[in-house]
Amino acid sequence: MPRPNVKLINVIAHVLAETNRHAGHADILREQLDGATGFDPDDTSSSQHDAAWWRSYVATIEAAAQKASATLIVADDR
């Protein structure tokens, strides 16, 4: 149903937020494919941590995501 009272600034803000979200998803997928992070995949100077640190960091993030996922599933079952 059309919403005639929606202002252009609200539409622009929504489009920008959605574009940002999808660009972030695409960047995550690209990083999974080629392992490069940041703007320049050939620039290794921005790497502040070694591979072991990154594996630990990813494991921490994945554990938090799994915990949040389990919490959401329980909440949805109520």
Protein backbone atom coordinates (compact mmCIF):
# COMPACT_ATOMS: atom_id res chain seq x y z
CA MET A 1 0.00 0.00 0.00
CA PRO A 2 1.47 3.40 -0.93
CA ARG A 3 2.51 5.69 1.90
CA PRO A 4 2.11 9.26 0.61
CA ASN A 5 3.50 10.88 3.77
CA VAL A 6 6.98 9.33 3.48
CA LYS A 7 9.64 11.98 2.99
CA LEU A 8 12.38 11.70 0.39
CA ILE A 9 15.09 11.88 3.08
CA ASN A 10 13.63 8.76 4.72
CA VAL A 11 13.72 6.89 1.40
CA ILE A 12 17.30 7.98 0.75
CA ALA A 13 18.39 6.94 4.26
CA HIS A 14 16.75 3.53 3.80
CA VAL A 15 18.36 2.97 0.39
CA LEU A 16 21.79 3.95 1.75
CA ALA A 17 21.44 1.64 4.74
CA GLU A 18 20.39 -1.29 2.54
CA THR A 19 23.21 -0.63 0.07
CA ASN A 20 25.71 -0.53 2.92
CA ARG A 21 24.37 -3.78 4.37
CA HIS A 22 24.53 -5.63 1.06
CA ALA A 23 27.99 -4.25 0.25
CA GLY A 24 29.17 -5.54 3.62
CA HIS A 25 27.75 -8.98 2.87
CA ALA A 26 29.47 -9.03 -0.52
CA ASP A 27 32.77 -8.02 1.10
CA ILE A 28 32.50 -10.84 3.63
CA LEU A 29 31.89 -13.35 0.84
CA ARG A 30 34.82 -11.99 -1.14
CA GLU A 31 37.09 -12.24 1.90
CA GLN A 32 36.03 -15.87 2.33
CA LEU A 33 36.90 -16.59 -1.29
CA ASP A 34 40.26 -14.89 -1.65
CA GLY A 35 41.35 -14.27 1.96
CA ALA A 36 42.17 -10.62 1.25
CA THR A 37 40.91 -7.89 3.56
CA GLY A 38 40.78 -4.13 3.22
CA PHE A 39 40.89 -2.03 0.08
CA ASP A 40 44.09 -3.32 -1.53
CA PRO A 41 44.64 -7.10 -1.47
CA ASP A 42 48.32 -6.61 -2.36
CA ASP A 43 48.99 -4.30 0.62
CA THR A 44 50.29 -6.43 3.49
CA SER A 45 51.38 -3.45 5.61
CA SER A 46 47.93 -3.14 7.21
CA SER A 47 48.14 -6.65 8.69
CA GLN A 48 48.78 -6.08 12.39
CA HIS A 49 48.23 -9.68 13.53
CA ASP A 50 49.54 -13.07 12.53
CA ALA A 51 47.47 -15.99 11.24
CA ALA A 52 47.15 -17.60 14.69
CA TRP A 53 45.70 -14.40 16.15
CA TRP A 54 43.14 -14.19 13.34
CA ARG A 55 42.12 -17.85 13.79
CA SER A 56 41.54 -17.18 17.49
CA TYR A 57 39.63 -13.98 16.70
CA VAL A 58 37.39 -15.73 14.15
CA ALA A 59 36.73 -18.54 16.64
CA THR A 60 35.67 -15.98 19.25
CA ILE A 61 33.31 -14.26 16.82
CA GLU A 62 31.85 -17.59 15.65
CA ALA A 63 31.27 -18.69 19.26
CA ALA A 64 29.44 -15.43 19.98
CA ALA A 65 27.33 -15.88 16.84
CA GLN A 66 26.45 -19.46 17.80
CA LYS A 67 25.48 -18.35 21.31
CA ALA A 68 23.31 -15.54 19.92
CA SER A 69 21.73 -17.92 17.43
CA ALA A 70 20.84 -20.38 20.18
CA THR A 71 19.33 -17.56 22.22
CA LEU A 72 17.19 -16.41 19.29
CA ILE A 73 15.93 -19.92 18.60
CA VAL A 74 14.86 -20.36 22.21
CA ALA A 75 13.14 -16.97 22.20
CA ASP A 76 11.29 -17.80 18.97
CA ASP A 77 9.98 -21.10 20.37
CA ARG A 78 8.09 -19.43 23.19
